[in-house]
Amino acid sequence: QVQLVESEGGLVQAGGSLRLSCAASGSIFSINFMGWYRQAPGKQRELVAVIGSNTNYGDSVKGRFTISRDNDKNSVYLQMNSLKPEDTAVYYCNANIRIGIGINSYWGQGTQVTVSS
């Protein structure tokens, strides 16, 4: 059993910063990549950032958000700067994890980030 536990999001004013963290635990053999997605009300879930051998960012967050990873802690972080009201969404951690002989994709429970104007 694998779990992804995210830190709490929060309410922040436009222009502010917030840092999210996510830790994977359980019967983990290795983690291929970890990332963040978000879903705003009435919209589809979209990629925010992913980190594996490379990093990739969604176009709307490039230059403002930074993803990082601590392999020793099976954790991923998302530093969000210059936040905008349109960044308001539920943020989900995702990890592609090898367990035993299989590889599965796991999701965190989601954490709300609200940016006020």
N, C-alpha and C. Protein backbone atom coordinates (compact mmCIF):
# COMPACT_ATOMS: atom_id res chain seq x y z
N GLN A 1 0.85 -1.19 0.00
CA GLN A 1 0.00 0.00 0.00
C GLN A 1 0.88 1.24 0.00
N VAL A 2 0.53 2.17 -0.88
CA VAL A 2 1.28 3.42 -0.99
C VAL A 2 0.35 4.58 -0.70
N GLN A 3 0.84 5.53 0.03
CA GLN A 3 0.06 6.74 0.30
C GLN A 3 0.86 7.97 -0.05
N LEU A 4 0.17 8.97 -0.56
CA LEU A 4 0.76 10.28 -0.78
C LEU A 4 0.04 11.26 0.14
N VAL A 5 0.81 11.92 0.98
CA VAL A 5 0.23 12.85 1.93
C VAL A 5 0.73 14.25 1.63
N GLU A 6 -0.19 15.13 1.36
CA GLU A 6 0.14 16.51 1.00
C GLU A 6 0.04 17.42 2.21
N SER A 7 0.79 18.48 2.17
CA SER A 7 0.66 19.51 3.19
C SER A 7 -0.61 20.31 2.94
N GLU A 8 -1.01 21.05 3.92
CA GLU A 8 -2.19 21.89 3.74
C GLU A 8 -1.86 23.06 2.83
N GLY A 9 -2.84 23.42 2.03
CA GLY A 9 -2.69 24.60 1.19
C GLY A 9 -2.97 25.83 2.02
N GLY A 10 -3.76 26.71 1.48
CA GLY A 10 -4.12 27.88 2.26
C GLY A 10 -4.66 29.01 1.43
N LEU A 11 -4.88 30.10 2.12
CA LEU A 11 -5.38 31.32 1.50
C LEU A 11 -4.25 32.33 1.48
N VAL A 12 -3.99 32.89 0.32
CA VAL A 12 -2.90 33.86 0.18
C VAL A 12 -3.35 34.98 -0.75
N GLN A 13 -2.81 36.15 -0.52
CA GLN A 13 -3.14 37.27 -1.40
C GLN A 13 -2.38 37.18 -2.71
N ALA A 14 -2.94 37.78 -3.71
CA ALA A 14 -2.27 37.83 -5.01
C ALA A 14 -0.88 38.46 -4.84
N GLY A 15 0.09 37.84 -5.51
CA GLY A 15 1.46 38.30 -5.39
C GLY A 15 2.24 37.58 -4.30
N GLY A 16 1.54 36.84 -3.48
CA GLY A 16 2.17 36.13 -2.39
C GLY A 16 2.76 34.81 -2.81
N SER A 17 3.26 34.09 -1.81
CA SER A 17 3.92 32.81 -2.05
C SER A 17 3.35 31.74 -1.13
N LEU A 18 3.50 30.50 -1.58
CA LEU A 18 3.05 29.36 -0.80
C LEU A 18 3.89 28.16 -1.22
N ARG A 19 4.16 27.28 -0.28
CA ARG A 19 4.94 26.08 -0.57
C ARG A 19 4.13 24.85 -0.19
N LEU A 20 3.99 23.96 -1.15
CA LEU A 20 3.32 22.68 -0.92
C LEU A 20 4.35 21.57 -0.84
N SER A 21 4.04 20.57 -0.02
CA SER A 21 4.90 19.40 0.04
C SER A 21 4.04 18.14 -0.05
N CYS A 22 4.67 17.08 -0.47
CA CYS A 22 3.98 15.80 -0.60
C CYS A 22 4.98 14.69 -0.31
N ALA A 23 4.61 13.78 0.56
CA ALA A 23 5.48 12.68 0.92
C ALA A 23 4.81 11.35 0.59
N ALA A 24 5.57 10.48 -0.04
CA ALA A 24 5.08 9.14 -0.37
C ALA A 24 5.58 8.15 0.69
N SER A 25 4.72 7.24 1.07
CA SER A 25 5.10 6.23 2.05
C SER A 25 4.47 4.90 1.69
N GLY A 26 5.06 3.83 2.22
CA GLY A 26 4.53 2.50 1.95
C GLY A 26 5.58 1.61 1.32
N SER A 27 5.11 0.61 0.62
CA SER A 27 6.00 -0.40 0.03
C SER A 27 6.54 0.10 -1.31
N ILE A 28 7.47 1.04 -1.22
CA ILE A 28 8.02 1.70 -2.40
C ILE A 28 9.35 1.08 -2.76
N PHE A 29 9.46 0.62 -4.00
CA PHE A 29 10.75 0.14 -4.48
C PHE A 29 11.54 1.31 -5.06
N SER A 30 10.87 2.08 -5.91
CA SER A 30 11.50 3.28 -6.47
C SER A 30 10.40 4.20 -7.01
N ILE A 31 10.76 5.45 -7.16
CA ILE A 31 9.82 6.45 -7.69
C ILE A 31 10.38 6.98 -8.99
N ASN A 32 9.62 6.83 -10.06
CA ASN A 32 10.08 7.30 -11.35
C ASN A 32 9.97 8.81 -11.47
N PHE A 33 8.81 9.33 -11.20
CA PHE A 33 8.65 10.77 -11.23
C PHE A 33 7.53 11.17 -10.29
N MET A 34 7.57 12.42 -9.89
CA MET A 34 6.54 13.00 -9.02
C MET A 34 6.13 14.33 -9.59
N GLY A 35 4.92 14.73 -9.30
CA GLY A 35 4.47 15.99 -9.85
C GLY A 35 3.25 16.54 -9.16
N TRP A 36 2.81 17.65 -9.67
CA TRP A 36 1.64 18.35 -9.16
C TRP A 36 0.68 18.65 -10.30
N TYR A 37 -0.58 18.44 -10.03
CA TYR A 37 -1.66 18.81 -10.94
C TYR A 37 -2.62 19.68 -10.14
N ARG A 38 -3.48 20.38 -10.87
CA ARG A 38 -4.49 21.17 -10.18
C ARG A 38 -5.80 21.14 -10.94
N GLN A 39 -6.86 21.38 -10.20
CA GLN A 39 -8.18 21.40 -10.81
C GLN A 39 -8.99 22.52 -10.19
N ALA A 40 -9.37 23.46 -11.03
CA ALA A 40 -10.23 24.55 -10.60
C ALA A 40 -11.68 24.16 -10.85
N PRO A 41 -12.62 24.80 -10.15
CA PRO A 41 -14.03 24.46 -10.34
C PRO A 41 -14.46 24.60 -11.79
N GLY A 42 -15.11 23.58 -12.30
CA GLY A 42 -15.61 23.61 -13.66
C GLY A 42 -14.56 23.40 -14.74
N LYS A 43 -13.33 23.10 -14.33
CA LYS A 43 -12.25 22.91 -15.30
C LYS A 43 -11.65 21.51 -15.16
N GLN A 44 -10.95 21.11 -16.19
CA GLN A 44 -10.27 19.83 -16.15
C GLN A 44 -8.99 19.93 -15.32
N ARG A 45 -8.59 18.78 -14.81
CA ARG A 45 -7.32 18.74 -14.10
C ARG A 45 -6.19 19.01 -15.08
N GLU A 46 -5.24 19.84 -14.66
CA GLU A 46 -4.14 20.20 -15.56
C GLU A 46 -2.80 20.03 -14.87
N LEU A 47 -1.80 19.82 -15.67
CA LEU A 47 -0.44 19.69 -15.17
C LEU A 47 0.06 21.02 -14.64
N VAL A 48 0.67 20.97 -13.45
CA VAL A 48 1.36 22.15 -12.93
C VAL A 48 2.86 21.98 -13.16
N ALA A 49 3.39 20.87 -12.65
CA ALA A 49 4.82 20.60 -12.80
C ALA A 49 5.09 19.14 -12.51
N VAL A 50 6.11 18.61 -13.14
CA VAL A 50 6.51 17.23 -12.91
C VAL A 50 8.03 17.17 -12.90
N ILE A 51 8.57 16.29 -12.06
CA ILE A 51 10.01 16.15 -11.95
C ILE A 51 10.39 14.69 -11.95
N GLY A 52 11.29 14.36 -12.86
CA GLY A 52 11.84 13.02 -12.93
C GLY A 52 13.30 13.18 -13.25
N SER A 53 13.70 12.69 -14.42
CA SER A 53 15.05 12.99 -14.87
C SER A 53 15.12 14.42 -15.38
N ASN A 54 13.99 14.96 -15.77
CA ASN A 54 13.86 16.37 -16.18
C ASN A 54 12.70 16.99 -15.40
N THR A 55 12.55 18.28 -15.60
CA THR A 55 11.38 18.95 -15.03
C THR A 55 10.57 19.57 -16.16
N ASN A 56 9.26 19.57 -15.98
CA ASN A 56 8.37 20.20 -16.94
C ASN A 56 7.32 20.99 -16.19
N TYR A 57 6.95 22.11 -16.74
CA TYR A 57 5.97 22.99 -16.12
C TYR A 57 4.84 23.29 -17.09
N GLY A 58 3.67 23.48 -16.52
CA GLY A 58 2.57 23.99 -17.32
C GLY A 58 2.88 25.42 -17.74
N ASP A 59 2.38 25.80 -18.89
CA ASP A 59 2.72 27.12 -19.44
C ASP A 59 2.31 28.25 -18.49
N SER A 60 1.21 28.07 -17.80
CA SER A 60 0.68 29.16 -16.97
C SER A 60 1.49 29.40 -15.70
N VAL A 61 2.39 28.48 -15.35
CA VAL A 61 3.15 28.64 -14.11
C VAL A 61 4.64 28.82 -14.34
N LYS A 62 5.06 28.71 -15.57
CA LYS A 62 6.50 28.84 -15.87
C LYS A 62 7.03 30.18 -15.38
N GLY A 63 8.17 30.12 -14.71
CA GLY A 63 8.79 31.33 -14.21
C GLY A 63 8.28 31.76 -12.85
N ARG A 64 7.20 31.15 -12.38
CA ARG A 64 6.64 31.52 -11.08
C ARG A 64 6.70 30.36 -10.07
N PHE A 65 6.54 29.16 -10.56
CA PHE A 65 6.53 27.98 -9.68
C PHE A 65 7.83 27.19 -9.89
N THR A 66 8.27 26.56 -8.81
CA THR A 66 9.46 25.71 -8.88
C THR A 66 9.18 24.39 -8.19
N ILE A 67 9.42 23.30 -8.90
CA ILE A 67 9.25 21.97 -8.32
C ILE A 67 10.61 21.43 -7.92
N SER A 68 10.64 20.74 -6.80
CA SER A 68 11.88 20.11 -6.36
C SER A 68 11.55 18.78 -5.69
N ARG A 69 12.59 18.00 -5.46
CA ARG A 69 12.35 16.64 -4.97
C ARG A 69 13.45 16.23 -4.01
N ASP A 70 13.08 15.51 -2.98
CA ASP A 70 14.04 14.93 -2.05
C ASP A 70 13.88 13.42 -2.11
N ASN A 71 14.77 12.77 -2.81
CA ASN A 71 14.63 11.33 -3.02
C ASN A 71 14.77 10.55 -1.72
N ASP A 72 15.60 11.03 -0.82
CA ASP A 72 15.78 10.33 0.46
C ASP A 72 14.49 10.31 1.28
N LYS A 73 13.67 11.34 1.08
CA LYS A 73 12.42 11.44 1.84
C LYS A 73 11.21 11.06 1.00
N ASN A 74 11.45 10.62 -0.23
CA ASN A 74 10.33 10.30 -1.15
C ASN A 74 9.33 11.45 -1.21
N SER A 75 9.86 12.63 -1.31
CA SER A 75 9.02 13.82 -1.23
C SER A 75 9.21 14.73 -2.43
N VAL A 76 8.18 15.49 -2.69
CA VAL A 76 8.21 16.49 -3.75
C VAL A 76 7.64 17.78 -3.19
N TYR A 77 8.16 18.90 -3.68
CA TYR A 77 7.77 20.21 -3.18
C TYR A 77 7.38 21.11 -4.35
N LEU A 78 6.51 22.05 -4.07
CA LEU A 78 6.13 23.02 -5.08
C LEU A 78 6.18 24.40 -4.44
N GLN A 79 7.15 25.18 -4.86
CA GLN A 79 7.26 26.56 -4.40
C GLN A 79 6.50 27.44 -5.38
N MET A 80 5.49 28.11 -4.89
CA MET A 80 4.64 28.94 -5.74
C MET A 80 4.84 30.41 -5.36
N ASN A 81 5.33 31.17 -6.30
CA ASN A 81 5.57 32.60 -6.11
C ASN A 81 4.69 33.40 -7.06
N SER A 82 4.57 34.67 -6.75
CA SER A 82 3.79 35.58 -7.60
C SER A 82 2.42 34.99 -7.91
N LEU A 83 1.76 34.51 -6.90
CA LEU A 83 0.48 33.83 -7.10
C LEU A 83 -0.58 34.79 -7.64
N LYS A 84 -1.43 34.23 -8.47
CA LYS A 84 -2.52 34.98 -9.09
C LYS A 84 -3.85 34.35 -8.71
N PRO A 85 -4.92 35.10 -8.77
CA PRO A 85 -6.24 34.52 -8.46
C PRO A 85 -6.55 33.29 -9.32
N GLU A 86 -6.07 33.29 -10.55
CA GLU A 86 -6.33 32.14 -11.43
C GLU A 86 -5.54 30.89 -11.04
N ASP A 87 -4.68 31.00 -10.04
CA ASP A 87 -4.00 29.82 -9.51
C ASP A 87 -4.87 29.09 -8.48
N THR A 88 -5.98 29.68 -8.14
CA THR A 88 -6.89 29.05 -7.19
C THR A 88 -7.39 27.73 -7.73
N ALA A 89 -7.19 26.68 -6.95
CA ALA A 89 -7.57 25.33 -7.39
C ALA A 89 -7.29 24.35 -6.26
N VAL A 90 -7.73 23.13 -6.46
CA VAL A 90 -7.28 22.03 -5.61
C VAL A 90 -6.03 21.44 -6.27
N TYR A 91 -4.98 21.36 -5.52
CA TYR A 91 -3.70 20.86 -6.02
C TYR A 91 -3.52 19.41 -5.57
N TYR A 92 -3.15 18.57 -6.53
CA TYR A 92 -2.99 17.15 -6.28
C TYR A 92 -1.55 16.72 -6.54
N CYS A 93 -1.02 15.97 -5.62
CA CYS A 93 0.29 15.36 -5.81
C CYS A 93 0.11 14.05 -6.57
N ASN A 94 1.04 13.75 -7.45
CA ASN A 94 1.00 12.52 -8.22
C ASN A 94 2.39 11.90 -8.24
N ALA A 95 2.44 10.58 -8.18
CA ALA A 95 3.73 9.90 -8.24
C ALA A 95 3.60 8.61 -9.02
N ASN A 96 4.59 8.35 -9.81
CA ASN A 96 4.68 7.11 -10.57
C ASN A 96 5.67 6.22 -9.85
N ILE A 97 5.16 5.16 -9.21
CA ILE A 97 5.95 4.41 -8.24
C ILE A 97 6.04 2.94 -8.62
N ARG A 98 7.25 2.42 -8.54
CA ARG A 98 7.45 0.99 -8.75
C ARG A 98 7.30 0.27 -7.41
N ILE A 99 6.39 -0.67 -7.41
CA ILE A 99 6.21 -1.52 -6.23
C ILE A 99 6.32 -2.97 -6.69
N GLY A 100 7.24 -3.70 -6.10
CA GLY A 100 7.41 -5.09 -6.54
C GLY A 100 7.76 -5.13 -8.01
N ILE A 101 6.93 -5.82 -8.79
CA ILE A 101 7.21 -5.94 -10.22
C ILE A 101 6.36 -5.00 -11.05
N GLY A 102 5.51 -4.20 -10.39
CA GLY A 102 4.62 -3.33 -11.13
C GLY A 102 4.90 -1.86 -10.90
N ILE A 103 4.37 -1.03 -11.79
CA ILE A 103 4.47 0.42 -11.66
C ILE A 103 3.05 0.99 -11.67
N ASN A 104 2.74 1.78 -10.66
CA ASN A 104 1.42 2.37 -10.56
C ASN A 104 1.50 3.87 -10.38
N SER A 105 0.42 4.53 -10.73
CA SER A 105 0.31 5.97 -10.52
C SER A 105 -0.56 6.19 -9.28
N TYR A 106 -0.08 7.03 -8.40
CA TYR A 106 -0.78 7.31 -7.16
C TYR A 106 -1.08 8.80 -7.04
N TRP A 107 -2.18 9.10 -6.34
CA TRP A 107 -2.61 10.48 -6.17
C TRP A 107 -2.78 10.80 -4.68
N GLY A 108 -2.46 12.03 -4.33
CA GLY A 108 -2.77 12.51 -3.01
C GLY A 108 -4.23 12.90 -2.91
N GLN A 109 -4.62 13.32 -1.73
CA GLN A 109 -6.04 13.62 -1.48
C GLN A 109 -6.44 14.99 -2.00
N GLY A 110 -5.47 15.81 -2.32
CA GLY A 110 -5.76 17.15 -2.81
C GLY A 110 -5.73 18.17 -1.69
N THR A 111 -5.26 19.35 -2.01
CA THR A 111 -5.21 20.42 -1.03
C THR A 111 -5.62 21.73 -1.69
N GLN A 112 -6.43 22.49 -1.00
CA GLN A 112 -7.00 23.70 -1.59
C GLN A 112 -6.03 24.87 -1.47
N VAL A 113 -5.82 25.53 -2.58
CA VAL A 113 -5.06 26.77 -2.61
C VAL A 113 -5.99 27.86 -3.14
N THR A 114 -6.14 28.92 -2.37
CA THR A 114 -7.01 30.02 -2.76
C THR A 114 -6.20 31.30 -2.77
N VAL A 115 -6.24 31.99 -3.88
CA VAL A 115 -5.52 33.25 -4.03
C VAL A 115 -6.54 34.37 -4.17
N SER A 116 -6.50 35.30 -3.25
CA SER A 116 -7.45 36.41 -3.27
C SER A 116 -6.86 37.60 -4.00
N SER A 117 -7.73 38.34 -4.65
CA SER A 117 -7.27 39.50 -5.43
C SER A 117 -7.22 40.76 -4.57
